[in-house]
C-alpha atoms as a PDB file:
ATOM      1  CA  UNK A   1     106.089  84.817  83.604  1.00  0.00           C
ATOM      2  CA  UNK A   2     103.524  87.205  84.965  1.00  0.00           C
ATOM      3  CA  UNK A   3     103.996  91.035  85.142  1.00  0.00           C
ATOM      4  CA  UNK A   4     104.382  90.545  88.999  1.00  0.00           C
ATOM      5  CA  UNK A   5     107.209  88.000  88.543  1.00  0.00           C
ATOM      6  CA  UNK A   6     109.024  90.049  86.009  1.00  0.00           C
ATOM      7  CA  UNK A   7     108.917  93.224  88.079  1.00  0.00           C
ATOM      8  CA  UNK A   8     109.876  91.273  91.282  1.00  0.00           C
ATOM      9  CA  UNK A   9     113.031  89.923  89.514  1.00  0.00           C
ATOM     10  CA  UNK A  10     113.921  93.235  87.889  1.00  0.00           C
ATOM     11  CA  UNK A  11     113.683  95.132  91.225  1.00  0.00           C
ATOM     12  CA  UNK A  12     115.780  92.548  93.000  1.00  0.00           C
ATOM     13  CA  UNK A  13     118.399  92.555  90.334  1.00  0.00           C
ATOM     14  CA  UNK A  14     118.403  96.390  90.209  1.00  0.00           C
ATOM     15  CA  UNK A  15     119.076  96.265  94.017  1.00  0.00           C
ATOM     16  CA  UNK A  16     121.915  93.917  93.583  1.00  0.00           C
ATOM     17  CA  UNK A  17     120.524  91.328  95.845  1.00  0.00           C
ATOM     18  CA  UNK A  18     120.267  87.543  95.569  1.00  0.00           C
ATOM     19  CA  UNK A  19     117.166  85.599  95.883  1.00  0.00           C
ATOM     20  CA  UNK A  20     118.338  84.083  99.123  1.00  0.00           C
ATOM     21  CA  UNK A  21     118.855  87.503 100.554  1.00  0.00           C
ATOM     22  CA  UNK A  22     115.368  88.832  99.608  1.00  0.00           C
ATOM     23  CA  UNK A  23     113.822  85.613 100.885  1.00  0.00           C
ATOM     24  CA  UNK A  24     115.739  86.116 104.221  1.00  0.00           C
ATOM     25  CA  UNK A  25     114.539  89.802 104.521  1.00  0.00           C
ATOM     26  CA  UNK A  26     110.877  88.597 103.903  1.00  0.00           C
ATOM     27  CA  UNK A  27     111.257  85.697 106.240  1.00  0.00           C
ATOM     28  CA  UNK A  28     110.278  83.367 103.453  1.00  0.00           C
ATOM     29  CA  UNK A  29     111.792  79.905 102.352  1.00  0.00           C
ATOM     30  CA  UNK A  30     114.036  80.329  99.301  1.00  0.00           C
ATOM     31  CA  UNK A  31     111.792  78.037  97.249  1.00  0.00           C
ATOM     32  CA  UNK A  32     108.665  80.076  98.007  1.00  0.00           C
ATOM     33  CA  UNK A  33     110.378  83.396  97.047  1.00  0.00           C
ATOM     34  CA  UNK A  34     112.053  81.807  93.909  1.00  0.00           C
ATOM     35  CA  UNK A  35     108.606  80.422  92.774  1.00  0.00           C
ATOM     36  CA  UNK A  36     107.246  83.982  93.026  1.00  0.00           C
ATOM     37  CA  UNK A  37     109.977  85.240  90.581  1.00  0.00           C
ATOM     38  CA  UNK A  38     109.431  81.983  88.286  1.00  0.00           C
ATOM     39  CA  UNK A  39     105.560  82.830  88.186  1.00  0.00           C
ATOM     40  CA  UNK A  40     104.755  79.517  89.756  1.00  0.00           C
ATOM     41  CA  UNK A  41     103.292  81.030  92.922  1.00  0.00           C
ATOM     42  CA  UNK A  42     101.662  84.252  93.877  1.00  0.00           C
ATOM     43  CA  UNK A  43     102.079  85.852  97.277  1.00  0.00           C
ATOM     44  CA  UNK A  44      99.222  86.845  99.464  1.00  0.00           C
ATOM     45  CA  UNK A  45      98.364  90.497 100.068  1.00  0.00           C
ATOM     46  CA  UNK A  46     100.431  90.660 103.275  1.00  0.00           C
ATOM     47  CA  UNK A  47     103.500  89.420 101.339  1.00  0.00           C
ATOM     48  CA  UNK A  48     102.912  91.951  98.427  1.00  0.00           C
ATOM     49  CA  UNK A  49     102.693  94.636 100.868  1.00  0.00           C
ATOM     50  CA  UNK A  50     106.090  93.689 102.343  1.00  0.00           C
ATOM     51  CA  UNK A  51     107.703  93.393  99.069  1.00  0.00           C
ATOM     52  CA  UNK A  52     106.504  96.672  97.880  1.00  0.00           C
ATOM     53  CA  UNK A  53     107.864  98.283 101.246  1.00  0.00           C
ATOM     54  CA  UNK A  54     111.222  96.379 100.801  1.00  0.00           C
ATOM     55  CA  UNK A  55     111.750  97.749  97.300  1.00  0.00           C
ATOM     56  CA  UNK A  56     110.169 101.094  97.916  1.00  0.00           C
ATOM     57  CA  UNK A  57     107.603 100.810  95.306  1.00  0.00           C
ATOM     58  CA  UNK A  58     103.868 100.582  95.082  1.00  0.00           C
ATOM     59  CA  UNK A  59     101.645  97.455  95.089  1.00  0.00           C
ATOM     60  CA  UNK A  60      99.959  98.861  91.980  1.00  0.00           C
ATOM     61  CA  UNK A  61     103.410  98.721  90.237  1.00  0.00           C
ATOM     62  CA  UNK A  62     104.053  95.250  91.380  1.00  0.00           C
ATOM     63  CA  UNK A  63     100.637  93.994  90.087  1.00  0.00           C
ATOM     64  CA  UNK A  64     100.983  95.728  86.701  1.00  0.00           C
ATOM     65  CA  UNK A  65      98.157  98.426  87.411  1.00  0.00           C
ATOM     66  CA  UNK A  66     100.666 101.231  86.730  1.00  0.00           C
ATOM     67  CA  UNK A  67     103.944 101.511  84.979  1.00  0.00           C
ATOM     68  CA  UNK A  68     105.172 103.986  87.526  1.00  0.00           C
ATOM     69  CA  UNK A  69     106.936 102.404  90.432  1.00  0.00           C
ATOM     70  CA  UNK A  70     106.227 105.367  92.691  1.00  0.00           C
ATOM     71  CA  UNK A  71     102.800 105.436  94.227  1.00  0.00           C
ATOM     72  CA  UNK A  72     102.804 109.244  95.008  1.00  0.00           C
ATOM     73  CA  UNK A  73     103.369 110.401  91.535  1.00  0.00           C
ATOM     74  CA  UNK A  74     100.966 113.070  90.596  1.00  0.00           C
ATOM     75  CA  UNK A  75     100.031 111.385  87.299  1.00  0.00           C
ATOM     76  CA  UNK A  76      98.700 108.302  89.227  1.00  0.00           C
ATOM     77  CA  UNK A  77      96.628 110.113  91.640  1.00  0.00           C
ATOM     78  CA  UNK A  78      92.990 110.624  90.527  1.00  0.00           C
ATOM     79  CA  UNK A  79      91.638 113.492  92.575  1.00  0.00           C
ATOM     80  CA  UNK A  80      88.883 115.800  91.641  1.00  0.00           C
ATOM     81  CA  UNK A  81      90.339 119.162  91.944  1.00  0.00           C
ATOM     82  CA  UNK A  82      87.340 121.067  90.410  1.00  0.00           C
ATOM     83  CA  UNK A  83      85.916 122.028  93.769  1.00  0.00           C
ATOM     84  CA  UNK A  84      89.313 122.982  95.402  1.00  0.00           C
ATOM     85  CA  UNK A  85      89.876 126.670  95.890  1.00  0.00           C
ATOM     86  CA  UNK A  86      92.687 128.839  97.029  1.00  0.00           C
ATOM     87  CA  UNK A  87      91.693 128.889 100.575  1.00  0.00           C
ATOM     88  CA  UNK A  88      91.484 125.082 100.807  1.00  0.00           C
ATOM     89  CA  UNK A  89      95.248 124.899 100.498  1.00  0.00           C
ATOM     90  CA  UNK A  90      95.856 125.314 104.084  1.00  0.00           C
ATOM     91  CA  UNK A  91      96.204 128.933 104.690  1.00  0.00           C
ATOM     92  CA  UNK A  92      94.093 129.231 107.832  1.00  0.00           C
ATOM     93  CA  UNK A  93      97.306 129.063 109.774  1.00  0.00           C
ATOM     94  CA  UNK A  94      98.062 132.725 108.885  1.00  0.00           C
ATOM     95  CA  UNK A  95      99.336 134.445 111.996  1.00  0.00           C
ATOM     96  CA  UNK A  96     100.028 131.189 113.953  1.00  0.00           C
ATOM     97  CA  UNK A  97     103.364 130.495 112.377  1.00  0.00           C
ATOM     98  CA  UNK A  98     106.479 132.810 111.742  1.00  0.00           C
ATOM     99  CA  UNK A  99     105.901 135.362 108.965  1.00  0.00           C
ATOM    100  CA  UNK A 100     108.760 133.788 106.803  1.00  0.00           C
ATOM    101  CA  UNK A 101     107.216 130.332 107.023  1.00  0.00           C
ATOM    102  CA  UNK A 102     103.779 131.875 106.288  1.00  0.00           C
ATOM    103  CA  UNK A 103     105.204 133.588 103.277  1.00  0.00           C
ATOM    104  CA  UNK A 104     106.886 130.397 101.909  1.00  0.00           C
ATOM    105  CA  UNK A 105     103.670 128.482 102.592  1.00  0.00           C
ATOM    106  CA  UNK A 106     101.767 131.001 100.681  1.00  0.00           C
ATOM    107  CA  UNK A 107     104.146 130.880  97.835  1.00  0.00           C
ATOM    108  CA  UNK A 108     103.766 127.095  97.598  1.00  0.00           C
ATOM    109  CA  UNK A 109      99.978 127.278  97.761  1.00  0.00           C
ATOM    110  CA  UNK A 110      99.913 130.008  95.129  1.00  0.00           C
ATOM    111  CA  UNK A 111     102.161 127.884  92.753  1.00  0.00           C
ATOM    112  CA  UNK A 112      99.977 124.925  93.319  1.00  0.00           C
ATOM    113  CA  UNK A 113      96.912 126.888  92.611  1.00  0.00           C
ATOM    114  CA  UNK A 114      98.350 128.337  89.442  1.00  0.00           C
ATOM    115  CA  UNK A 115      99.465 124.979  88.177  1.00  0.00           C
ATOM    116  CA  UNK A 116      96.198 123.433  88.677  1.00  0.00           C
ATOM    117  CA  UNK A 117      94.156 126.444  87.485  1.00  0.00           C
ATOM    118  CA  UNK A 118      92.329 126.829  90.862  1.00  0.00           C
ATOM    119  CA  UNK A 119      90.171 129.801  91.419  1.00  0.00           C
ATOM    120  CA  UNK A 120      91.616 132.321  93.856  1.00  0.00           C
ATOM    121  CA  UNK A 121      89.330 133.478  96.839  1.00  0.00           C
ATOM    122  CA  UNK A 122      89.888 136.849  98.227  1.00  0.00           C
ATOM    123  CA  UNK A 123      90.758 136.754 102.135  1.00  0.00           C
END
């Protein structure tokens, strides 16, 4: 069995669903879906996308490119933050939103900047 078929079966079982139920949700014949789990067939890209949406996981997880089932985990995002500065965190809205919202946003931005060791620019 492939990584894909193993993960597909595990996700289905963890959801407590039958093969028939998942096949119905995906608008697939049962034999087609079952063959995905048995590793006898591979779905096309559109079906992989539907499966990832159905199980609320990433296509990279399904395909074995990551062991993290959640696509938005910070560890899996490869972004070059070396050029990001404190001001790039969205603070140009100062004065447009309510002061308490602005203060909360500033605190979030400061915590993010501190966590990622971003240089702070003076206003």
